[in-house]
Amino acid sequence: MVCNSVGESVMCYNLIVINTDKKEKKRVGELLSYIFESFRYNHDGAFLFNSTNNQYVRTLDYEEFKRVLSNQVLGNGYIHMHLRLASHGSVNVDNIHGWQFDNYYCSHNGSYFEGYTYYGLHYGYDNNNNTDSFQFFNKYKNEINKNKLSKIDLTGFFGVAFCTPKDNTNKRIVMISKNKSIKVYKFGSLLLFSNEPLDFLYSPLKFAGFEFNNVIKTEIENQILVYDYKQLNIIKHKDVNVKSMYGMSTINDPFYDVIYKKSHKKGSKKGNKVDNDALNDTWDFDNYHYKCTQQNGELDCSWEMDDY
C-alpha cells in the first residue's frame, strides 16, 4: 500500500510501544488515544496487538477501536498499532495490516514495487485483493522469522516496517527502515517507535540501548534491526544500501521535474537515468511533518509542509 503520495498529506501510521518497567503495568490508553486522534484520518482499517494480554484487533470500526484503545494496560511487553490509509488495494478487513506470518505480526508504512518498475506504474501486486505490503512480508516471511537480515532484499521497498512476535516465547522485534526514518522516543518508562513525529514526548540522552541525539528523540534510518524488547538492546543490525542504479528513462515522464529535483539533490542523476530508490522516495516522500508547540501551557499541534 502506498501510504504517502506526491503533493498530499497521505500516510499510514505505524507504532510500537514497549514498557521497559519490568515490575509495574502501565495504563497507556490515554496516550494511545491521543496518538490515535492525531492520525484518525487514516480511516481504512486499524490494527492493535497487546502482548500483555494477547489482545489482537483488526477492524474497520474506528469507534469500537477507540474504545479498545482507551482501556489498554501494558505490562513488561509491547503494543503494536497500525492505522491504514489506502491508496491501493481494497478497503476490507483482509487488507488491514497486522497480518500473521508464522511467528510475527507485520505492518508497513510506505510502498513496495517488486521487480523492475517504470515510473511507479508496475506495482507487482493485485490492486483489488491485496497490497504491496502483504506481498513484501509474504515474500520474506522465512527470512523475517529466522532473523536472516542479509537475505531480505529491499530493492523497490520504501518506508518503515515492524514485525512483532505473536507470543512471549520470542523476544525479538524486527524493524525495517529505508528512505524514511523510525523516530524513537522515551515517555516515562515507555519506549516508542513511530514512523511519524511525536514531538510532544521528551527523552534522556541514553535509554534502553539507544543514544538520543538530542533531548527529544533519536532516529533510525536505512537500517534493519532486531531488537530484544526484554533485554532492551539491539542484537542484530544491517545497513541498507540506497545507492543502487537502474536504467530508467525520464523522457516524457510527468513526474520528471519532481524526480529530477529530488535525485539531483542527492547527486544520483546520470544522463537520462535516475536512482530507482530516489524515484520511490519521490513517489512517496514525506512532504509534511507534525509540529507541536507550547502555547500558554497548552499543546498546539498542526501539520506543516516541509521546505525543499
C-alpha atoms as a PDB file:
ATOM      1  CA  MET A   1       0.000   0.000   0.000  1.00  0.00           C
ATOM      2  CA  VAL A   2       1.346   3.410  -0.925  1.00  0.00           C
ATOM      3  CA  CYS A   3       0.851   5.418   2.225  1.00  0.00           C
ATOM      4  CA  ASN A   4       2.441   8.630   1.000  1.00  0.00           C
ATOM      5  CA  SER A   5       1.882  10.281  -2.360  1.00  0.00           C
ATOM      6  CA  VAL A   6       3.152  13.345  -4.184  1.00  0.00           C
ATOM      7  CA  GLY A   7       1.583  16.604  -3.089  1.00  0.00           C
ATOM      8  CA  GLU A   8      -0.739  15.108  -0.477  1.00  0.00           C
ATOM      9  CA  SER A   9      -0.606  14.555   3.264  1.00  0.00           C
ATOM     10  CA  VAL A  10      -1.299  10.846   2.875  1.00  0.00           C
ATOM     11  CA  MET A  11       0.406   8.417   5.207  1.00  0.00           C
ATOM     12  CA  CYS A  12      -0.325   5.261   7.149  1.00  0.00           C
ATOM     13  CA  TYR A  13       0.583   5.353  10.809  1.00  0.00           C
ATOM     14  CA  ASN A  14       2.830   2.679  12.346  1.00  0.00           C
ATOM     15  CA  LEU A  15       3.713   2.407  16.062  1.00  0.00           C
ATOM     16  CA  ILE A  16       5.333   0.137  18.651  1.00  0.00           C
ATOM     17  CA  VAL A  17       5.180   0.963  22.373  1.00  0.00           C
ATOM     18  CA  ILE A  18       7.429  -1.009  24.764  1.00  0.00           C
ATOM     19  CA  ASN A  19       7.046  -0.906  28.544  1.00  0.00           C
ATOM     20  CA  THR A  20      10.557  -1.008  29.974  1.00  0.00           C
ATOM     21  CA  ASP A  21       9.340  -1.320  33.564  1.00  0.00           C
ATOM     22  CA  LYS A  22       9.730  -4.997  34.442  1.00  0.00           C
ATOM     23  CA  LYS A  23       7.596  -4.733  37.594  1.00  0.00           C
ATOM     24  CA  GLU A  24       4.753  -2.287  37.007  1.00  0.00           C
ATOM     25  CA  LYS A  25       1.924  -2.339  34.491  1.00  0.00           C
ATOM     26  CA  LYS A  26       1.192   0.979  32.842  1.00  0.00           C
ATOM     27  CA  ARG A  27      -2.165   2.408  31.818  1.00  0.00           C
ATOM     28  CA  VAL A  28      -1.427   3.582  28.276  1.00  0.00           C
ATOM     29  CA  GLY A  29      -4.970   4.109  26.983  1.00  0.00           C
ATOM     30  CA  GLU A  30      -4.837   7.903  27.254  1.00  0.00           C
ATOM     31  CA  LEU A  31      -1.532   8.092  25.386  1.00  0.00           C
ATOM     32  CA  LEU A  32      -2.683   5.725  22.629  1.00  0.00           C
ATOM     33  CA  SER A  33      -5.989   7.570  22.287  1.00  0.00           C
ATOM     34  CA  TYR A  34      -4.152  10.881  21.933  1.00  0.00           C
ATOM     35  CA  ILE A  35      -1.925   9.442  19.200  1.00  0.00           C
ATOM     36  CA  PHE A  36      -4.950   7.816  17.526  1.00  0.00           C
ATOM     37  CA  GLU A  37      -6.805  11.146  17.381  1.00  0.00           C
ATOM     38  CA  SER A  38      -3.765  12.747  15.726  1.00  0.00           C
ATOM     39  CA  PHE A  39      -3.857  10.168  12.909  1.00  0.00           C
ATOM     40  CA  ARG A  40      -7.501   9.091  12.821  1.00  0.00           C
ATOM     41  CA  TYR A  41      -7.925  10.360   9.224  1.00  0.00           C
ATOM     42  CA  ASN A  42      -6.229   7.035   8.413  1.00  0.00           C
ATOM     43  CA  HIS A  43      -9.729   5.572   8.282  1.00  0.00           C
ATOM     44  CA  ASP A  44      -9.238   2.396   6.199  1.00  0.00           C
ATOM     45  CA  GLY A  45      -8.521  -0.125   8.919  1.00  0.00           C
ATOM     46  CA  ALA A  46      -6.967  -0.293  12.374  1.00  0.00           C
ATOM     47  CA  PHE A  47      -4.745  -2.969  13.930  1.00  0.00           C
ATOM     48  CA  LEU A  48      -3.594  -3.476  17.504  1.00  0.00           C
ATOM     49  CA  PHE A  49      -1.775  -6.248  19.341  1.00  0.00           C
ATOM     50  CA  ASN A  50      -1.030  -6.105  23.077  1.00  0.00           C
ATOM     51  CA  SER A  51       1.491  -8.734  24.195  1.00  0.00           C
ATOM     52  CA  THR A  52       0.411  -8.357  27.842  1.00  0.00           C
ATOM     53  CA  ASN A  53      -2.974 -10.000  27.312  1.00  0.00           C
ATOM     54  CA  ASN A  54      -2.518 -11.281  23.711  1.00  0.00           C
ATOM     55  CA  GLN A  55      -5.314  -8.967  22.561  1.00  0.00           C
ATOM     56  CA  TYR A  56      -5.398  -8.913  18.741  1.00  0.00           C
ATOM     57  CA  VAL A  57      -7.695  -6.482  16.899  1.00  0.00           C
ATOM     58  CA  ARG A  58      -8.130  -5.772  13.172  1.00  0.00           C
ATOM     59  CA  THR A  59     -11.207  -3.707  12.390  1.00  0.00           C
ATOM     60  CA  LEU A  60     -12.830  -1.102  10.156  1.00  0.00           C
ATOM     61  CA  ASP A  61     -14.955   0.133  13.088  1.00  0.00           C
ATOM     62  CA  TYR A  62     -12.983   3.085  14.432  1.00  0.00           C
ATOM     63  CA  GLU A  63     -15.405   3.925  17.228  1.00  0.00           C
ATOM     64  CA  GLU A  64     -15.024   0.408  18.611  1.00  0.00           C
ATOM     65  CA  PHE A  65     -11.255   0.623  18.111  1.00  0.00           C
ATOM     66  CA  LYS A  66     -11.124   3.865  20.076  1.00  0.00           C
ATOM     67  CA  ARG A  67     -12.933   2.175  22.981  1.00  0.00           C
ATOM     68  CA  VAL A  68     -10.419  -0.689  22.842  1.00  0.00           C
ATOM     69  CA  LEU A  69      -7.518   1.779  22.941  1.00  0.00           C
ATOM     70  CA  SER A  70      -8.813   3.689  25.948  1.00  0.00           C
ATOM     71  CA  ASN A  71      -8.726   0.505  28.073  1.00  0.00           C
ATOM     72  CA  GLN A  72      -5.183  -0.600  27.232  1.00  0.00           C
ATOM     73  CA  VAL A  73      -2.858  -1.669  30.061  1.00  0.00           C
ATOM     74  CA  LEU A  74       0.714  -2.645  29.185  1.00  0.00           C
ATOM     75  CA  GLY A  75       2.898  -4.942  31.269  1.00  0.00           C
ATOM     76  CA  ASN A  76       6.503  -5.917  30.574  1.00  0.00           C
ATOM     77  CA  GLY A  77       5.906  -6.206  26.851  1.00  0.00           C
ATOM     78  CA  TYR A  78       4.728  -4.154  23.894  1.00  0.00           C
ATOM     79  CA  ILE A  79       1.770  -2.807  21.913  1.00  0.00           C
ATOM     80  CA  HIS A  80       1.866  -2.796  18.107  1.00  0.00           C
ATOM     81  CA  MET A  81      -0.579  -0.453  16.306  1.00  0.00           C
ATOM     82  CA  HIS A  82      -1.184   0.453  12.654  1.00  0.00           C
ATOM     83  CA  LEU A  83      -3.747   2.822  11.100  1.00  0.00           C
ATOM     84  CA  ARG A  84      -4.253   2.322   7.377  1.00  0.00           C
ATOM     85  CA  LEU A  85      -4.979   4.907   4.695  1.00  0.00           C
ATOM     86  CA  ALA A  86      -5.429   3.023   1.428  1.00  0.00           C
ATOM     87  CA  SER A  87      -4.402   4.274  -1.976  1.00  0.00           C
ATOM     88  CA  HIS A  88      -4.077   0.768  -3.492  1.00  0.00           C
ATOM     89  CA  GLY A  89      -5.886  -2.414  -2.551  1.00  0.00           C
ATOM     90  CA  SER A  90      -9.480  -2.815  -1.434  1.00  0.00           C
ATOM     91  CA  VAL A  91     -10.677  -1.351   1.841  1.00  0.00           C
ATOM     92  CA  ASN A  92     -11.594  -4.531   3.700  1.00  0.00           C
ATOM     93  CA  VAL A  93     -10.569  -6.459   6.800  1.00  0.00           C
ATOM     94  CA  ASP A  94      -8.240  -8.745   4.832  1.00  0.00           C
ATOM     95  CA  ASN A  95      -6.094  -5.794   3.771  1.00  0.00           C
ATOM     96  CA  ILE A  96      -5.708  -4.316   7.252  1.00  0.00           C
ATOM     97  CA  HIS A  97      -2.099  -4.575   8.391  1.00  0.00           C
ATOM     98  CA  GLY A  98      -1.076  -6.780  11.280  1.00  0.00           C
ATOM     99  CA  TRP A  99      -1.018  -9.903   9.133  1.00  0.00           C
ATOM    100  CA  GLN A 100       0.386 -13.015  10.784  1.00  0.00           C
ATOM    101  CA  PHE A 101       3.392 -14.557   9.068  1.00  0.00           C
ATOM    102  CA  ASP A 102       4.326 -17.618  11.128  1.00  0.00           C
ATOM    103  CA  ASN A 103       5.530 -16.191  14.457  1.00  0.00           C
ATOM    104  CA  TYR A 104       5.209 -12.477  13.626  1.00  0.00           C
ATOM    105  CA  TYR A 105       2.548  -9.810  13.144  1.00  0.00           C
ATOM    106  CA  CYS A 106       3.718  -7.344  10.473  1.00  0.00           C
ATOM    107  CA  SER A 107       2.755  -3.825   9.382  1.00  0.00           C
ATOM    108  CA  HIS A 108       4.220  -1.300   6.937  1.00  0.00           C
ATOM    109  CA  ASN A 109       4.070   2.385   6.077  1.00  0.00           C
ATOM    110  CA  GLY A 110       5.326   3.054   2.552  1.00  0.00           C
ATOM    111  CA  SER A 111       5.422   1.087  -0.681  1.00  0.00           C
ATOM    112  CA  TYR A 112       6.902  -1.999  -2.281  1.00  0.00           C
ATOM    113  CA  PHE A 113       7.433  -2.211  -6.041  1.00  0.00           C
ATOM    114  CA  GLU A 114       8.504  -5.789  -6.654  1.00  0.00           C
ATOM    115  CA  GLY A 115      10.876  -6.296  -9.553  1.00  0.00           C
ATOM    116  CA  TYR A 116      11.551  -3.722 -12.271  1.00  0.00           C
ATOM    117  CA  THR A 117       9.383  -0.618 -12.028  1.00  0.00           C
ATOM    118  CA  TYR A 118       8.735   2.092 -14.593  1.00  0.00           C
ATOM    119  CA  TYR A 119       7.581   5.432 -13.165  1.00  0.00           C
ATOM    120  CA  GLY A 120       5.738   3.649 -10.400  1.00  0.00           C
ATOM    121  CA  LEU A 121       3.239   2.136 -12.885  1.00  0.00           C
ATOM    122  CA  HIS A 122       4.234  -1.507 -12.449  1.00  0.00           C
ATOM    123  CA  TYR A 123       3.465  -2.287  -8.848  1.00  0.00           C
ATOM    124  CA  GLY A 124       3.709  -6.071  -8.951  1.00  0.00           C
ATOM    125  CA  TYR A 125       0.595  -6.751  -6.828  1.00  0.00           C
ATOM    126  CA  ASP A 126      -3.169  -7.154  -7.173  1.00  0.00           C
ATOM    127  CA  ASN A 127      -4.867  -3.768  -6.800  1.00  0.00           C
ATOM    128  CA  ASN A 128      -8.177  -5.275  -5.690  1.00  0.00           C
ATOM    129  CA  ASN A 129      -7.404  -8.176  -3.404  1.00  0.00           C
ATOM    130  CA  ASN A 130      -4.074  -7.478  -1.791  1.00  0.00           C
ATOM    131  CA  THR A 131      -1.496  -4.841  -1.020  1.00  0.00           C
ATOM    132  CA  ASP A 132       2.149  -4.433  -1.888  1.00  0.00           C
ATOM    133  CA  SER A 133       2.976  -4.523   1.818  1.00  0.00           C
ATOM    134  CA  PHE A 134       1.451  -8.006   2.169  1.00  0.00           C
ATOM    135  CA  GLN A 135       3.454  -9.164  -0.862  1.00  0.00           C
ATOM    136  CA  PHE A 136       6.705  -7.980   0.715  1.00  0.00           C
ATOM    137  CA  PHE A 137       6.104  -9.708   4.047  1.00  0.00           C
ATOM    138  CA  ASN A 138       4.878 -12.878   2.358  1.00  0.00           C
ATOM    139  CA  LYS A 139       7.969 -12.997   0.133  1.00  0.00           C
ATOM    140  CA  TYR A 140      10.395 -12.628   3.058  1.00  0.00           C
ATOM    141  CA  LYS A 141       8.449 -14.285   5.870  1.00  0.00           C
ATOM    142  CA  ASN A 142      11.032 -17.051   6.294  1.00  0.00           C
ATOM    143  CA  GLU A 143      13.901 -14.566   6.475  1.00  0.00           C
ATOM    144  CA  ILE A 144      11.968 -12.401   8.946  1.00  0.00           C
ATOM    145  CA  ASN A 145      11.084 -15.351  11.167  1.00  0.00           C
ATOM    146  CA  LYS A 146      14.669 -16.622  11.167  1.00  0.00           C
ATOM    147  CA  ASN A 147      16.052 -13.057  11.570  1.00  0.00           C
ATOM    148  CA  LYS A 148      18.257 -13.551   8.483  1.00  0.00           C
ATOM    149  CA  LEU A 149      18.661  -9.858   7.755  1.00  0.00           C
ATOM    150  CA  SER A 150      21.216 -10.300   4.962  1.00  0.00           C
ATOM    151  CA  LYS A 151      18.634 -12.282   2.951  1.00  0.00           C
ATOM    152  CA  ILE A 152      15.985  -9.530   2.967  1.00  0.00           C
ATOM    153  CA  ASP A 153      16.242  -7.653  -0.356  1.00  0.00           C
ATOM    154  CA  LEU A 154      14.861  -4.114  -0.057  1.00  0.00           C
ATOM    155  CA  THR A 155      15.045  -3.289  -3.770  1.00  0.00           C
ATOM    156  CA  GLY A 156      11.821  -1.418  -4.531  1.00  0.00           C
ATOM    157  CA  PHE A 157      10.991  -1.046  -0.823  1.00  0.00           C
ATOM    158  CA  PHE A 158      10.254   2.316   0.771  1.00  0.00           C
ATOM    159  CA  GLY A 159       9.172   3.208   4.290  1.00  0.00           C
ATOM    160  CA  VAL A 160       9.018   1.720   7.769  1.00  0.00           C
ATOM    161  CA  ALA A 161       8.008  -1.852   8.607  1.00  0.00           C
ATOM    162  CA  PHE A 162       7.531  -3.500  12.002  1.00  0.00           C
ATOM    163  CA  CYS A 163       7.209  -7.217  12.755  1.00  0.00           C
ATOM    164  CA  THR A 164       6.429  -8.159  16.366  1.00  0.00           C
ATOM    165  CA  PRO A 165       6.260 -11.629  17.987  1.00  0.00           C
ATOM    166  CA  LYS A 166       2.799 -13.172  18.356  1.00  0.00           C
ATOM    167  CA  ASP A 167       3.657 -14.781  21.707  1.00  0.00           C
ATOM    168  CA  ASN A 168       6.067 -14.363  24.615  1.00  0.00           C
ATOM    169  CA  THR A 169       8.335 -17.228  23.568  1.00  0.00           C
ATOM    170  CA  ASN A 170      10.002 -14.848  21.100  1.00  0.00           C
ATOM    171  CA  LYS A 171      11.647 -11.673  22.421  1.00  0.00           C
ATOM    172  CA  ARG A 172      12.786 -10.258  19.061  1.00  0.00           C
ATOM    173  CA  ILE A 173      11.154  -7.367  17.197  1.00  0.00           C
ATOM    174  CA  VAL A 174      12.178  -6.786  13.558  1.00  0.00           C
ATOM    175  CA  MET A 175      12.282  -3.155  12.353  1.00  0.00           C
ATOM    176  CA  ILE A 176      12.961  -2.050   8.769  1.00  0.00           C
ATOM    177  CA  SER A 177      13.694   1.486   7.576  1.00  0.00           C
ATOM    178  CA  LYS A 178      14.515   2.634   4.061  1.00  0.00           C
ATOM    179  CA  ASN A 179      14.458   6.279   2.951  1.00  0.00           C
ATOM    180  CA  LYS A 180      12.161   7.023   5.884  1.00  0.00           C
ATOM    181  CA  SER A 181      13.255   7.165   9.494  1.00  0.00           C
ATOM    182  CA  ILE A 182      11.903   5.423  12.576  1.00  0.00           C
ATOM    183  CA  LYS A 183      11.506   8.030  15.311  1.00  0.00           C
ATOM    184  CA  VAL A 184      12.388   6.702  18.779  1.00  0.00           C
ATOM    185  CA  TYR A 185      11.013   8.350  21.920  1.00  0.00           C
ATOM    186  CA  LYS A 186      11.106   7.751  25.657  1.00  0.00           C
ATOM    187  CA  PHE A 187       7.978   8.718  27.614  1.00  0.00           C
ATOM    188  CA  GLY A 188       8.278   7.790  31.278  1.00  0.00           C
ATOM    189  CA  SER A 189       9.116   4.084  31.261  1.00  0.00           C
ATOM    190  CA  LEU A 190       7.719   3.723  27.739  1.00  0.00           C
ATOM    191  CA  LEU A 191       9.851   3.406  24.616  1.00  0.00           C
ATOM    192  CA  LEU A 192       8.028   4.373  21.404  1.00  0.00           C
ATOM    193  CA  PHE A 193       8.966   3.593  17.790  1.00  0.00           C
ATOM    194  CA  SER A 194       6.951   5.715  15.352  1.00  0.00           C
ATOM    195  CA  ASN A 195       7.026   6.308  11.601  1.00  0.00           C
ATOM    196  CA  GLU A 196       5.847   9.904  12.186  1.00  0.00           C
ATOM    197  CA  PRO A 197       6.989  12.577  14.673  1.00  0.00           C
ATOM    198  CA  LEU A 198       5.507  12.630  18.167  1.00  0.00           C
ATOM    199  CA  ASP A 199       7.298  15.738  19.315  1.00  0.00           C
ATOM    200  CA  PHE A 200       5.230  16.190  22.466  1.00  0.00           C
ATOM    201  CA  LEU A 201       7.395  13.442  24.002  1.00  0.00           C
ATOM    202  CA  TYR A 202      10.790  14.015  25.596  1.00  0.00           C
ATOM    203  CA  SER A 203      13.759  11.700  26.130  1.00  0.00           C
ATOM    204  CA  PRO A 204      17.048  11.462  28.050  1.00  0.00           C
ATOM    205  CA  LEU A 205      20.288  11.189  26.097  1.00  0.00           C
ATOM    206  CA  LYS A 206      20.601   7.437  26.711  1.00  0.00           C
ATOM    207  CA  PHE A 207      17.850   4.912  27.305  1.00  0.00           C
ATOM    208  CA  ALA A 208      17.202   1.213  26.670  1.00  0.00           C
ATOM    209  CA  GLY A 209      20.117   0.669  24.342  1.00  0.00           C
ATOM    210  CA  PHE A 210      19.672   3.869  22.310  1.00  0.00           C
ATOM    211  CA  GLU A 211      21.718   7.056  22.371  1.00  0.00           C
ATOM    212  CA  PHE A 212      19.459  10.011  21.679  1.00  0.00           C
ATOM    213  CA  ASN A 213      20.940  12.808  19.587  1.00  0.00           C
ATOM    214  CA  ASN A 214      19.002  15.490  21.468  1.00  0.00           C
ATOM    215  CA  VAL A 215      16.529  15.780  24.328  1.00  0.00           C
ATOM    216  CA  ILE A 216      13.542  14.938  22.123  1.00  0.00           C
ATOM    217  CA  LYS A 217      14.250  11.817  20.079  1.00  0.00           C
ATOM    218  CA  THR A 218      16.669   9.740  18.100  1.00  0.00           C
ATOM    219  CA  GLU A 219      16.070   8.311  14.632  1.00  0.00           C
ATOM    220  CA  ILE A 220      16.850   5.070  12.798  1.00  0.00           C
ATOM    221  CA  GLU A 221      17.141   5.302   9.017  1.00  0.00           C
ATOM    222  CA  ASN A 222      18.222   2.887   6.272  1.00  0.00           C
ATOM    223  CA  GLN A 223      18.683   0.001   8.671  1.00  0.00           C
ATOM    224  CA  ILE A 224      17.196  -3.371   9.532  1.00  0.00           C
ATOM    225  CA  LEU A 225      17.268  -4.111  13.253  1.00  0.00           C
ATOM    226  CA  VAL A 226      16.393  -6.997  15.515  1.00  0.00           C
ATOM    227  CA  TYR A 227      15.562  -5.562  18.943  1.00  0.00           C
ATOM    228  CA  ASP A 228      15.210  -7.611  22.129  1.00  0.00           C
ATOM    229  CA  TYR A 229      12.280  -5.986  23.940  1.00  0.00           C
ATOM    230  CA  LYS A 230      13.060  -7.888  27.165  1.00  0.00           C
ATOM    231  CA  GLN A 231      16.775  -7.066  27.386  1.00  0.00           C
ATOM    232  CA  LEU A 232      16.217  -3.677  25.696  1.00  0.00           C
ATOM    233  CA  ASN A 233      19.075  -3.828  23.236  1.00  0.00           C
ATOM    234  CA  ILE A 234      19.856  -4.292  19.546  1.00  0.00           C
ATOM    235  CA  ILE A 235      21.016  -7.838  18.874  1.00  0.00           C
ATOM    236  CA  LYS A 236      21.273  -7.755  15.058  1.00  0.00           C
ATOM    237  CA  HIS A 237      21.845  -4.924  12.629  1.00  0.00           C
ATOM    238  CA  LYS A 238      22.177  -4.439   8.867  1.00  0.00           C
ATOM    239  CA  ASP A 239      22.760  -1.188   6.972  1.00  0.00           C
ATOM    240  CA  VAL A 240      20.523  -0.733   3.934  1.00  0.00           C
ATOM    241  CA  ASN A 241      22.097   0.173   0.591  1.00  0.00           C
ATOM    242  CA  VAL A 242      20.178   3.016  -1.073  1.00  0.00           C
ATOM    243  CA  LYS A 243      22.690   3.720  -3.859  1.00  0.00           C
ATOM    244  CA  SER A 244      21.776   1.075  -6.465  1.00  0.00           C
ATOM    245  CA  MET A 245      21.326   2.395 -10.031  1.00  0.00           C
ATOM    246  CA  TYR A 246      18.724   1.191 -12.536  1.00  0.00           C
ATOM    247  CA  GLY A 247      18.231   2.227 -16.172  1.00  0.00           C
ATOM    248  CA  MET A 248      15.036   4.288 -16.145  1.00  0.00           C
ATOM    249  CA  SER A 249      14.442   6.971 -18.773  1.00  0.00           C
ATOM    250  CA  THR A 250      12.842  10.214 -17.652  1.00  0.00           C
ATOM    251  CA  ILE A 251      11.747  11.295 -21.165  1.00  0.00           C
ATOM    252  CA  ASN A 252       8.066  12.343 -21.256  1.00  0.00           C
ATOM    253  CA  ASP A 253       7.734  11.436 -17.613  1.00  0.00           C
ATOM    254  CA  PRO A 254       5.000  13.566 -15.956  1.00  0.00           C
ATOM    255  CA  PHE A 255       6.910  13.428 -12.662  1.00  0.00           C
ATOM    256  CA  TYR A 256      10.282  14.266 -14.229  1.00  0.00           C
ATOM    257  CA  ASP A 257      10.629  17.683 -12.603  1.00  0.00           C
ATOM    258  CA  VAL A 258       9.958  16.316  -9.144  1.00  0.00           C
ATOM    259  CA  ILE A 259      12.164  13.253  -9.682  1.00  0.00           C
ATOM    260  CA  TYR A 260      14.966  15.310 -11.182  1.00  0.00           C
ATOM    261  CA  LYS A 261      14.989  17.791  -8.323  1.00  0.00           C
ATOM    262  CA  LYS A 262      14.988  15.024  -5.728  1.00  0.00           C
ATOM    263  CA  SER A 263      17.602  12.852  -7.429  1.00  0.00           C
ATOM    264  CA  HIS A 264      19.769  15.808  -8.441  1.00  0.00           C
ATOM    265  CA  LYS A 265      19.782  17.000  -4.844  1.00  0.00           C
ATOM    266  CA  LYS A 266      21.090  13.563  -3.848  1.00  0.00           C
ATOM    267  CA  GLY A 267      23.689  13.651  -6.648  1.00  0.00           C
ATOM    268  CA  SER A 268      22.205  10.494  -8.188  1.00  0.00           C
ATOM    269  CA  LYS A 269      21.367  11.717 -11.711  1.00  0.00           C
ATOM    270  CA  LYS A 270      23.427  10.414 -14.631  1.00  0.00           C
ATOM    271  CA  GLY A 271      22.323  11.500 -18.080  1.00  0.00           C
ATOM    272  CA  ASN A 272      18.741  10.310 -18.507  1.00  0.00           C
ATOM    273  CA  LYS A 273      18.947   7.760 -15.693  1.00  0.00           C
ATOM    274  CA  VAL A 274      17.815   8.192 -12.117  1.00  0.00           C
ATOM    275  CA  ASP A 275      18.198   6.231  -8.934  1.00  0.00           C
ATOM    276  CA  ASN A 276      15.254   3.821  -8.557  1.00  0.00           C
ATOM    277  CA  ASP A 277      15.358   4.381  -4.805  1.00  0.00           C
ATOM    278  CA  ALA A 278      15.223   8.133  -5.366  1.00  0.00           C
ATOM    279  CA  LEU A 279      12.150   7.561  -7.549  1.00  0.00           C
ATOM    280  CA  ASN A 280      10.438   5.552  -4.846  1.00  0.00           C
ATOM    281  CA  ASP A 281      11.452   8.164  -2.305  1.00  0.00           C
ATOM    282  CA  THR A 282       9.947  10.875  -4.528  1.00  0.00           C
ATOM    283  CA  TRP A 283       6.761   8.930  -5.249  1.00  0.00           C
ATOM    284  CA  ASP A 284       6.190   8.507  -1.529  1.00  0.00           C
ATOM    285  CA  PHE A 285       8.196  11.319   0.026  1.00  0.00           C
ATOM    286  CA  ASP A 286       7.366  12.821   3.411  1.00  0.00           C
ATOM    287  CA  ASN A 287       6.263  16.311   2.486  1.00  0.00           C
ATOM    288  CA  TYR A 288       4.553  17.019   5.796  1.00  0.00           C
ATOM    289  CA  HIS A 289       5.603  16.893   9.422  1.00  0.00           C
ATOM    290  CA  TYR A 290       3.670  17.148  12.669  1.00  0.00           C
ATOM    291  CA  LYS A 291       4.778  20.027  14.895  1.00  0.00           C
ATOM    292  CA  CYS A 292       3.741  20.648  18.490  1.00  0.00           C
ATOM    293  CA  THR A 293       4.489  23.814  20.471  1.00  0.00           C
ATOM    294  CA  GLN A 294       3.565  25.044  23.931  1.00  0.00           C
ATOM    295  CA  GLN A 295       1.051  27.908  23.919  1.00  0.00           C
ATOM    296  CA  ASN A 296       0.109  29.299  27.347  1.00  0.00           C
ATOM    297  CA  GLY A 297       0.754  25.940  28.959  1.00  0.00           C
ATOM    298  CA  GLU A 298      -1.239  24.013  26.320  1.00  0.00           C
ATOM    299  CA  LEU A 299      -0.002  21.899  23.415  1.00  0.00           C
ATOM    300  CA  ASP A 300      -0.783  23.373  19.997  1.00  0.00           C
ATOM    301  CA  CYS A 301      -0.208  20.754  17.254  1.00  0.00           C
ATOM    302  CA  SER A 302      -0.583  21.058  13.494  1.00  0.00           C
ATOM    303  CA  TRP A 303       0.688  19.630  10.194  1.00  0.00           C
ATOM    304  CA  GLU A 304       3.236  21.736   8.334  1.00  0.00           C
ATOM    305  CA  MET A 305       4.689  21.286   4.854  1.00  0.00           C
ATOM    306  CA  ASP A 306       8.433  20.775   4.572  1.00  0.00           C
ATOM    307  CA  ASP A 307      10.600  23.192   2.569  1.00  0.00           C
ATOM    308  CA  TYR A 308      12.585  21.744  -0.333  1.00  0.00           C
END
